[in-house]
Amino acid sequence: MEKDERLLHSSSFGAAAAAYAEHRPDYAQAAVRWALEPAPGPRVLDLGAGTGKLTATLVALGAEVIAVEPDPAMLTELRRALPTVRALTGSAEAIPLPDGSVDAVLAGNAMHWFDMAAAGPEIARVLAPGGILAGLWNVMDDRVEWVAGLARISGSAAIGPCDTPTSWRAETADMHLSKTDVAARFGSPKQAEFPHGQDRTADSLLATIATRAGMLVMPEQERETVLGRIRAFLGSRPETADGEFTLPMLTAVLRVRRL
């Protein structure tokens, strides 16, 4: 994705901040524990924190959390949900924290929006020696037949390459690297996946999909066409046609150590 397109997509969430807070899933605690396992201490920065989905899991696990988010509408939702968390305006490319002030930087469904040419040095700067950078993604488990069908009919704007385990490993394996900076700031990546799920109805799954960046920037008529196609698919499947169901998911993690 080109820089201008990435900026357009990444800045689209504020218009749907309340829906994002309501419908996006949390993160599997086992995945967050694994991400933090090698961290040299308890101080964690949730970078690109959005409405606080990952922040809440970090709080539940007892981490000392600071949240940083560039979008004011998303930050408002985070502060409403988690009033005791220190939440700051900032971005991956301009982190409002001192050098070496955190032991881990985590990013929930956000790392693919970072401009790592600027974000890589910033993340390395705020990390303590040996600190951890981890990206986490909630992905739909397309190893399940009906989920694979959903991904096929939804299109890449609704369910992109970081949204299914079939492609997320390849898409994220070098996401911590800057394409323009030859300096090695982080060690070799490790990737892992952890079972997760979200209780949904057809309506609430449609509402969740509608918060995807590709959907938010889509012309309204085209968006309604895509959502109508997804609704028809969900209505045709015995797993999803009647009442509540569990959407099979994984929380997938990319973890690297600061050199």
C-alpha atoms as a PDB file:
ATOM      1  CA  MET A   1       0.000   0.000   0.000  1.00  0.00           C
ATOM      2  CA  GLU A   2       1.355   3.399  -0.995  1.00  0.00           C
ATOM      3  CA  LYS A   3       1.975   6.033   1.691  1.00  0.00           C
ATOM      4  CA  ASP A   4      -0.954   8.291   0.704  1.00  0.00           C
ATOM      5  CA  GLU A   5      -3.355   5.351   0.548  1.00  0.00           C
ATOM      6  CA  ARG A   6      -2.115   4.062   3.911  1.00  0.00           C
ATOM      7  CA  LEU A   7      -2.673   7.515   5.426  1.00  0.00           C
ATOM      8  CA  LEU A   8      -6.214   7.665   4.023  1.00  0.00           C
ATOM      9  CA  HIS A   9      -7.083   4.246   5.419  1.00  0.00           C
ATOM     10  CA  SER A  10      -5.429   4.737   8.809  1.00  0.00           C
ATOM     11  CA  SER A  11      -7.191   8.074   9.365  1.00  0.00           C
ATOM     12  CA  SER A  12     -10.641   6.679   8.524  1.00  0.00           C
ATOM     13  CA  PHE A  13     -11.433   5.097  11.888  1.00  0.00           C
ATOM     14  CA  GLY A  14     -12.367   8.245  13.812  1.00  0.00           C
ATOM     15  CA  ALA A  15     -15.647   8.582  11.916  1.00  0.00           C
ATOM     16  CA  ALA A  16     -16.636   5.138  13.207  1.00  0.00           C
ATOM     17  CA  ALA A  17     -15.047   5.320  16.678  1.00  0.00           C
ATOM     18  CA  ALA A  18     -18.205   4.404  18.610  1.00  0.00           C
ATOM     19  CA  ALA A  19     -18.947   1.453  16.301  1.00  0.00           C
ATOM     20  CA  TYR A  20     -15.310   0.345  16.556  1.00  0.00           C
ATOM     21  CA  ALA A  21     -15.516   0.400  20.358  1.00  0.00           C
ATOM     22  CA  GLU A  22     -18.771  -1.562  20.305  1.00  0.00           C
ATOM     23  CA  HIS A  23     -18.028  -4.203  17.691  1.00  0.00           C
ATOM     24  CA  ARG A  24     -14.297  -4.869  17.407  1.00  0.00           C
ATOM     25  CA  PRO A  25     -13.062  -7.897  19.395  1.00  0.00           C
ATOM     26  CA  ASP A  26     -10.662  -7.923  22.316  1.00  0.00           C
ATOM     27  CA  TYR A  27      -7.413  -9.951  22.237  1.00  0.00           C
ATOM     28  CA  ALA A  28      -6.721 -13.459  23.512  1.00  0.00           C
ATOM     29  CA  GLN A  29      -4.966 -13.137  26.876  1.00  0.00           C
ATOM     30  CA  ALA A  30      -2.633 -16.029  26.038  1.00  0.00           C
ATOM     31  CA  ALA A  31      -1.427 -14.104  22.978  1.00  0.00           C
ATOM     32  CA  VAL A  32      -0.750 -10.950  24.989  1.00  0.00           C
ATOM     33  CA  ARG A  33       1.103 -12.953  27.654  1.00  0.00           C
ATOM     34  CA  TRP A  34       3.283 -14.517  24.947  1.00  0.00           C
ATOM     35  CA  ALA A  35       3.981 -11.104  23.433  1.00  0.00           C
ATOM     36  CA  LEU A  36       5.132  -9.787  26.817  1.00  0.00           C
ATOM     37  CA  GLU A  37       6.953 -12.912  28.017  1.00  0.00           C
ATOM     38  CA  PRO A  38      10.542 -11.758  27.245  1.00  0.00           C
ATOM     39  CA  ALA A  39       9.979  -8.106  28.213  1.00  0.00           C
ATOM     40  CA  PRO A  40      12.497  -6.885  30.806  1.00  0.00           C
ATOM     41  CA  GLY A  41       9.823  -5.153  32.904  1.00  0.00           C
ATOM     42  CA  PRO A  42       6.120  -4.319  33.277  1.00  0.00           C
ATOM     43  CA  ARG A  43       5.986  -0.933  31.487  1.00  0.00           C
ATOM     44  CA  VAL A  44       3.985  -1.296  28.270  1.00  0.00           C
ATOM     45  CA  LEU A  45       3.107   1.183  25.546  1.00  0.00           C
ATOM     46  CA  ASP A  46      -0.035   0.385  23.560  1.00  0.00           C
ATOM     47  CA  LEU A  47       0.824   2.173  20.326  1.00  0.00           C
ATOM     48  CA  GLY A  48      -1.990   3.084  17.960  1.00  0.00           C
ATOM     49  CA  ALA A  49      -4.291   2.097  20.805  1.00  0.00           C
ATOM     50  CA  GLY A  50      -7.548   2.998  19.082  1.00  0.00           C
ATOM     51  CA  THR A  51     -10.501   2.688  21.438  1.00  0.00           C
ATOM     52  CA  GLY A  52      -8.513   0.597  23.924  1.00  0.00           C
ATOM     53  CA  LYS A  53      -9.293  -2.994  22.937  1.00  0.00           C
ATOM     54  CA  LEU A  54      -5.723  -4.161  23.572  1.00  0.00           C
ATOM     55  CA  THR A  55      -5.251  -1.654  26.394  1.00  0.00           C
ATOM     56  CA  ALA A  56      -8.056  -3.301  28.359  1.00  0.00           C
ATOM     57  CA  THR A  57      -6.440  -6.732  28.019  1.00  0.00           C
ATOM     58  CA  LEU A  58      -3.093  -5.320  29.182  1.00  0.00           C
ATOM     59  CA  VAL A  59      -4.782  -3.731  32.212  1.00  0.00           C
ATOM     60  CA  ALA A  60      -6.463  -7.044  33.034  1.00  0.00           C
ATOM     61  CA  LEU A  61      -3.051  -8.754  32.957  1.00  0.00           C
ATOM     62  CA  GLY A  62      -1.561  -6.229  35.405  1.00  0.00           C
ATOM     63  CA  ALA A  63       0.735  -4.350  33.021  1.00  0.00           C
ATOM     64  CA  GLU A  64       1.690  -0.727  33.647  1.00  0.00           C
ATOM     65  CA  VAL A  65       0.075   0.681  30.502  1.00  0.00           C
ATOM     66  CA  ILE A  66       0.390   3.933  28.601  1.00  0.00           C
ATOM     67  CA  ALA A  67      -1.818   4.305  25.521  1.00  0.00           C
ATOM     68  CA  VAL A  68      -0.879   6.494  22.539  1.00  0.00           C
ATOM     69  CA  GLU A  69      -3.357   7.187  19.738  1.00  0.00           C
ATOM     70  CA  PRO A  70      -3.410   9.864  16.994  1.00  0.00           C
ATOM     71  CA  ASP A  71      -7.158  10.085  16.365  1.00  0.00           C
ATOM     72  CA  PRO A  72      -9.068  12.297  18.837  1.00  0.00           C
ATOM     73  CA  ALA A  73     -12.386  10.460  18.416  1.00  0.00           C
ATOM     74  CA  MET A  74     -10.763   7.084  19.077  1.00  0.00           C
ATOM     75  CA  LEU A  75      -8.879   8.536  22.051  1.00  0.00           C
ATOM     76  CA  THR A  76     -12.157   9.866  23.484  1.00  0.00           C
ATOM     77  CA  GLU A  77     -13.651   6.357  23.379  1.00  0.00           C
ATOM     78  CA  LEU A  78     -10.537   4.914  25.029  1.00  0.00           C
ATOM     79  CA  ARG A  79     -10.622   7.467  27.847  1.00  0.00           C
ATOM     80  CA  ARG A  80     -14.336   6.847  28.371  1.00  0.00           C
ATOM     81  CA  ALA A  81     -13.815   3.084  28.641  1.00  0.00           C
ATOM     82  CA  LEU A  82     -10.553   3.190  30.627  1.00  0.00           C
ATOM     83  CA  PRO A  83     -10.471   6.438  32.627  1.00  0.00           C
ATOM     84  CA  THR A  84      -7.568   5.341  34.860  1.00  0.00           C
ATOM     85  CA  VAL A  85      -5.189   4.634  31.951  1.00  0.00           C
ATOM     86  CA  ARG A  86      -2.715   7.334  30.938  1.00  0.00           C
ATOM     87  CA  ALA A  87      -3.761   8.054  27.339  1.00  0.00           C
ATOM     88  CA  LEU A  88      -1.782  10.474  25.159  1.00  0.00           C
ATOM     89  CA  THR A  89      -2.144  11.985  21.722  1.00  0.00           C
ATOM     90  CA  GLY A  90       0.699  10.803  19.499  1.00  0.00           C
ATOM     91  CA  SER A  91       1.649   8.383  16.759  1.00  0.00           C
ATOM     92  CA  ALA A  92       4.119   5.642  15.979  1.00  0.00           C
ATOM     93  CA  GLU A  93       6.171   8.184  14.086  1.00  0.00           C
ATOM     94  CA  ALA A  94       6.167  10.720  16.954  1.00  0.00           C
ATOM     95  CA  ILE A  95       5.841   9.027  20.361  1.00  0.00           C
ATOM     96  CA  PRO A  96       5.395  11.492  23.258  1.00  0.00           C
ATOM     97  CA  LEU A  97       7.552   9.528  25.716  1.00  0.00           C
ATOM     98  CA  PRO A  98      11.171   9.780  26.935  1.00  0.00           C
ATOM     99  CA  ASP A  99      14.003   7.544  25.763  1.00  0.00           C
ATOM    100  CA  GLY A 100      14.032   4.046  27.271  1.00  0.00           C
ATOM    101  CA  SER A 101      10.794   4.625  29.163  1.00  0.00           C
ATOM    102  CA  VAL A 102       8.949   1.366  28.369  1.00  0.00           C
ATOM    103  CA  ASP A 103       9.811  -2.326  28.398  1.00  0.00           C
ATOM    104  CA  ALA A 104       7.453  -3.318  25.593  1.00  0.00           C
ATOM    105  CA  VAL A 105       5.609  -1.667  22.726  1.00  0.00           C
ATOM    106  CA  LEU A 106       2.486  -3.493  21.580  1.00  0.00           C
ATOM    107  CA  ALA A 107       0.278  -2.592  18.633  1.00  0.00           C
ATOM    108  CA  GLY A 108      -3.156  -4.167  18.202  1.00  0.00           C
ATOM    109  CA  ASN A 109      -4.300  -4.315  14.569  1.00  0.00           C
ATOM    110  CA  ALA A 110      -2.256  -1.159  13.993  1.00  0.00           C
ATOM    111  CA  MET A 111       1.300  -2.017  12.982  1.00  0.00           C
ATOM    112  CA  HIS A 112       0.457  -2.279   9.273  1.00  0.00           C
ATOM    113  CA  TRP A 113      -0.435   1.431   9.365  1.00  0.00           C
ATOM    114  CA  PHE A 114       2.979   2.510  10.709  1.00  0.00           C
ATOM    115  CA  ASP A 115       5.557   4.201   8.493  1.00  0.00           C
ATOM    116  CA  MET A 116       8.461   2.155   9.809  1.00  0.00           C
ATOM    117  CA  ALA A 117      11.075   4.479   8.291  1.00  0.00           C
ATOM    118  CA  ALA A 118      10.057   6.946  11.031  1.00  0.00           C
ATOM    119  CA  ALA A 119       8.333   4.598  13.482  1.00  0.00           C
ATOM    120  CA  GLY A 120      11.197   2.100  13.759  1.00  0.00           C
ATOM    121  CA  PRO A 121      13.678   4.606  15.226  1.00  0.00           C
ATOM    122  CA  GLU A 122      10.958   6.068  17.482  1.00  0.00           C
ATOM    123  CA  ILE A 123       9.944   2.686  18.852  1.00  0.00           C
ATOM    124  CA  ALA A 124      13.581   1.723  19.413  1.00  0.00           C
ATOM    125  CA  ARG A 125      14.148   5.060  21.155  1.00  0.00           C
ATOM    126  CA  VAL A 126      11.394   4.617  23.755  1.00  0.00           C
ATOM    127  CA  LEU A 127      12.212   0.961  24.425  1.00  0.00           C
ATOM    128  CA  ALA A 128      14.557  -0.028  27.247  1.00  0.00           C
ATOM    129  CA  PRO A 129      17.521  -2.226  26.237  1.00  0.00           C
ATOM    130  CA  GLY A 130      16.224  -5.682  25.388  1.00  0.00           C
ATOM    131  CA  GLY A 131      12.681  -4.347  25.140  1.00  0.00           C
ATOM    132  CA  ILE A 132      10.010  -6.004  23.028  1.00  0.00           C
ATOM    133  CA  LEU A 133       8.036  -4.815  20.019  1.00  0.00           C
ATOM    134  CA  ALA A 134       4.977  -6.920  19.216  1.00  0.00           C
ATOM    135  CA  GLY A 135       2.197  -6.532  16.678  1.00  0.00           C
ATOM    136  CA  LEU A 136      -1.051  -8.360  17.347  1.00  0.00           C
ATOM    137  CA  TRP A 137      -3.815  -9.066  14.849  1.00  0.00           C
ATOM    138  CA  ASN A 138      -7.221 -10.640  15.368  1.00  0.00           C
ATOM    139  CA  VAL A 139      -7.665 -12.765  12.264  1.00  0.00           C
ATOM    140  CA  MET A 140     -10.682 -14.714  11.077  1.00  0.00           C
ATOM    141  CA  ASP A 141      -9.823 -18.415  11.019  1.00  0.00           C
ATOM    142  CA  ASP A 142     -10.308 -19.255   7.358  1.00  0.00           C
ATOM    143  CA  ARG A 143      -9.256 -22.848   8.001  1.00  0.00           C
ATOM    144  CA  VAL A 144     -12.942 -23.183   8.961  1.00  0.00           C
ATOM    145  CA  GLU A 145     -14.913 -23.784   5.749  1.00  0.00           C
ATOM    146  CA  TRP A 146     -17.652 -21.196   6.204  1.00  0.00           C
ATOM    147  CA  VAL A 147     -15.143 -18.531   7.278  1.00  0.00           C
ATOM    148  CA  ALA A 148     -13.128 -19.213   4.107  1.00  0.00           C
ATOM    149  CA  GLY A 149     -16.337 -18.713   2.126  1.00  0.00           C
ATOM    150  CA  LEU A 150     -17.012 -15.460   3.946  1.00  0.00           C
ATOM    151  CA  ALA A 151     -13.524 -14.205   3.112  1.00  0.00           C
ATOM    152  CA  ARG A 152     -13.971 -15.083  -0.560  1.00  0.00           C
ATOM    153  CA  ILE A 153     -17.292 -13.299  -1.032  1.00  0.00           C
ATOM    154  CA  SER A 154     -16.377 -10.284   1.128  1.00  0.00           C
ATOM    155  CA  GLY A 155     -13.440  -9.071  -0.951  1.00  0.00           C
ATOM    156  CA  SER A 156     -10.137  -7.582   0.140  1.00  0.00           C
ATOM    157  CA  ALA A 157     -11.618  -4.266   1.309  1.00  0.00           C
ATOM    158  CA  ALA A 158     -13.574  -6.115   3.986  1.00  0.00           C
ATOM    159  CA  ILE A 159     -11.186  -8.964   4.804  1.00  0.00           C
ATOM    160  CA  GLY A 160      -7.631  -8.117   3.807  1.00  0.00           C
ATOM    161  CA  PRO A 161      -4.336 -10.038   3.792  1.00  0.00           C
ATOM    162  CA  CYS A 162      -3.681  -9.366   7.505  1.00  0.00           C
ATOM    163  CA  ASP A 163      -7.163 -10.616   8.426  1.00  0.00           C
ATOM    164  CA  THR A 164      -6.769 -14.363   7.845  1.00  0.00           C
ATOM    165  CA  PRO A 165      -4.067 -16.793   9.032  1.00  0.00           C
ATOM    166  CA  THR A 166      -3.574 -18.043   5.474  1.00  0.00           C
ATOM    167  CA  SER A 167      -1.754 -14.834   4.572  1.00  0.00           C
ATOM    168  CA  TRP A 168      -0.921 -12.914   7.760  1.00  0.00           C
ATOM    169  CA  ARG A 169       2.431 -14.680   8.387  1.00  0.00           C
ATOM    170  CA  ALA A 170       3.814 -13.663   5.003  1.00  0.00           C
ATOM    171  CA  GLU A 171       2.319 -10.172   5.244  1.00  0.00           C
ATOM    172  CA  THR A 172       3.783  -9.425   8.685  1.00  0.00           C
ATOM    173  CA  ALA A 173       7.080 -11.356   8.776  1.00  0.00           C
ATOM    174  CA  ASP A 174       9.189  -8.276   8.011  1.00  0.00           C
ATOM    175  CA  MET A 175       6.733  -5.590   9.094  1.00  0.00           C
ATOM    176  CA  HIS A 176       9.085  -4.456  11.864  1.00  0.00           C
ATOM    177  CA  LEU A 177      11.716  -3.492   9.276  1.00  0.00           C
ATOM    178  CA  SER A 178      12.120  -0.165   7.554  1.00  0.00           C
ATOM    179  CA  LYS A 179      12.437  -0.392   3.790  1.00  0.00           C
ATOM    180  CA  THR A 180      14.790   2.632   3.769  1.00  0.00           C
ATOM    181  CA  ASP A 181      16.919   2.178   6.902  1.00  0.00           C
ATOM    182  CA  VAL A 182      19.751  -0.353   6.783  1.00  0.00           C
ATOM    183  CA  ALA A 183      20.390  -0.112  10.532  1.00  0.00           C
ATOM    184  CA  ALA A 184      19.193  -3.246  12.359  1.00  0.00           C
ATOM    185  CA  ARG A 185      17.121  -2.069  15.323  1.00  0.00           C
ATOM    186  CA  PHE A 186      15.364  -5.343  16.133  1.00  0.00           C
ATOM    187  CA  GLY A 187      16.290  -9.003  16.228  1.00  0.00           C
ATOM    188  CA  SER A 188      14.819 -11.947  14.350  1.00  0.00           C
ATOM    189  CA  PRO A 189      11.011 -12.123  14.366  1.00  0.00           C
ATOM    190  CA  LYS A 190       8.954 -14.802  16.062  1.00  0.00           C
ATOM    191  CA  GLN A 191       5.334 -15.456  15.105  1.00  0.00           C
ATOM    192  CA  ALA A 192       2.626 -17.345  16.956  1.00  0.00           C
ATOM    193  CA  GLU A 193      -1.152 -17.824  16.833  1.00  0.00           C
ATOM    194  CA  PHE A 194      -3.575 -18.309  19.702  1.00  0.00           C
ATOM    195  CA  PRO A 195      -7.192 -19.528  19.604  1.00  0.00           C
ATOM    196  CA  HIS A 196      -9.798 -16.826  20.028  1.00  0.00           C
ATOM    197  CA  GLY A 197     -13.419 -16.175  19.126  1.00  0.00           C
ATOM    198  CA  GLN A 198     -16.139 -13.566  19.230  1.00  0.00           C
ATOM    199  CA  ASP A 199     -19.852 -14.077  19.850  1.00  0.00           C
ATOM    200  CA  ARG A 200     -21.689 -12.493  16.929  1.00  0.00           C
ATOM    201  CA  THR A 201     -25.013 -12.400  15.128  1.00  0.00           C
ATOM    202  CA  ALA A 202     -25.273 -11.745  11.395  1.00  0.00           C
ATOM    203  CA  ASP A 203     -26.076  -8.102  12.175  1.00  0.00           C
ATOM    204  CA  SER A 204     -23.213  -7.592  14.602  1.00  0.00           C
ATOM    205  CA  LEU A 205     -20.722  -9.335  12.296  1.00  0.00           C
ATOM    206  CA  LEU A 206     -21.800  -7.015   9.494  1.00  0.00           C
ATOM    207  CA  ALA A 207     -21.323  -4.071  11.871  1.00  0.00           C
ATOM    208  CA  THR A 208     -17.837  -5.345  12.708  1.00  0.00           C
ATOM    209  CA  ILE A 209     -16.876  -5.733   9.053  1.00  0.00           C
ATOM    210  CA  ALA A 210     -18.192  -2.235   8.352  1.00  0.00           C
ATOM    211  CA  THR A 211     -15.487  -0.832  10.685  1.00  0.00           C
ATOM    212  CA  ARG A 212     -12.683  -2.119   8.437  1.00  0.00           C
ATOM    213  CA  ALA A 213     -10.646   0.678   6.888  1.00  0.00           C
ATOM    214  CA  GLY A 214     -11.285  -0.527   3.341  1.00  0.00           C
ATOM    215  CA  MET A 215     -15.016  -0.379   3.988  1.00  0.00           C
ATOM    216  CA  LEU A 216     -14.880   3.032   5.669  1.00  0.00           C
ATOM    217  CA  VAL A 217     -13.215   4.689   2.665  1.00  0.00           C
ATOM    218  CA  MET A 218     -15.446   2.952   0.119  1.00  0.00           C
ATOM    219  CA  PRO A 219     -18.178   4.947  -1.685  1.00  0.00           C
ATOM    220  CA  GLU A 220     -21.497   4.440   0.112  1.00  0.00           C
ATOM    221  CA  GLN A 221     -23.289   2.634  -2.716  1.00  0.00           C
ATOM    222  CA  GLU A 222     -20.397   0.209  -3.205  1.00  0.00           C
ATOM    223  CA  ARG A 223     -20.201  -0.386   0.558  1.00  0.00           C
ATOM    224  CA  GLU A 224     -23.909  -1.203   0.730  1.00  0.00           C
ATOM    225  CA  THR A 225     -23.497  -3.637  -2.173  1.00  0.00           C
ATOM    226  CA  VAL A 226     -20.649  -5.455  -0.401  1.00  0.00           C
ATOM    227  CA  LEU A 227     -22.529  -5.573   2.913  1.00  0.00           C
ATOM    228  CA  GLY A 228     -25.625  -6.854   1.123  1.00  0.00           C
ATOM    229  CA  ARG A 229     -23.594  -9.645  -0.451  1.00  0.00           C
ATOM    230  CA  ILE A 230     -22.162 -10.595   2.948  1.00  0.00           C
ATOM    231  CA  ARG A 231     -25.609 -10.495   4.564  1.00  0.00           C
ATOM    232  CA  ALA A 232     -26.958 -12.862   1.901  1.00  0.00           C
ATOM    233  CA  PHE A 233     -24.041 -15.247   2.481  1.00  0.00           C
ATOM    234  CA  LEU A 234     -24.550 -15.274   6.263  1.00  0.00           C
ATOM    235  CA  GLY A 235     -28.259 -15.889   5.770  1.00  0.00           C
ATOM    236  CA  SER A 236     -27.506 -18.876   3.535  1.00  0.00           C
ATOM    237  CA  ARG A 237     -25.243 -20.689   6.003  1.00  0.00           C
ATOM    238  CA  PRO A 238     -26.602 -22.914   8.780  1.00  0.00           C
ATOM    239  CA  GLU A 239     -23.754 -21.778  11.063  1.00  0.00           C
ATOM    240  CA  THR A 240     -24.762 -18.110  10.889  1.00  0.00           C
ATOM    241  CA  ALA A 241     -28.351 -17.843   9.657  1.00  0.00           C
ATOM    242  CA  ASP A 242     -30.174 -18.068  12.978  1.00  0.00           C
ATOM    243  CA  GLY A 243     -29.256 -16.164  16.128  1.00  0.00           C
ATOM    244  CA  GLU A 244     -25.889 -15.998  17.862  1.00  0.00           C
ATOM    245  CA  PHE A 245     -22.763 -17.876  16.798  1.00  0.00           C
ATOM    246  CA  THR A 246     -19.066 -17.800  17.608  1.00  0.00           C
ATOM    247  CA  LEU A 247     -16.832 -16.364  14.906  1.00  0.00           C
ATOM    248  CA  PRO A 248     -13.701 -18.574  14.856  1.00  0.00           C
ATOM    249  CA  MET A 249     -10.643 -16.376  15.227  1.00  0.00           C
ATOM    250  CA  LEU A 250      -6.977 -16.400  16.156  1.00  0.00           C
ATOM    251  CA  THR A 251      -4.949 -13.684  17.827  1.00  0.00           C
ATOM    252  CA  ALA A 252      -1.758 -13.707  15.774  1.00  0.00           C
ATOM    253  CA  VAL A 253       1.455 -12.163  17.124  1.00  0.00           C
ATOM    254  CA  LEU A 254       4.695 -10.914  15.595  1.00  0.00           C
ATOM    255  CA  ARG A 255       7.363 -10.365  18.283  1.00  0.00           C
ATOM    256  CA  VAL A 256      10.886  -8.915  18.017  1.00  0.00           C
ATOM    257  CA  ARG A 257      13.463  -7.757  20.547  1.00  0.00           C
ATOM    258  CA  ARG A 258      15.203  -4.384  20.471  1.00  0.00           C
ATOM    259  CA  LEU A 259      18.919  -4.799  19.777  1.00  0.00           C
END
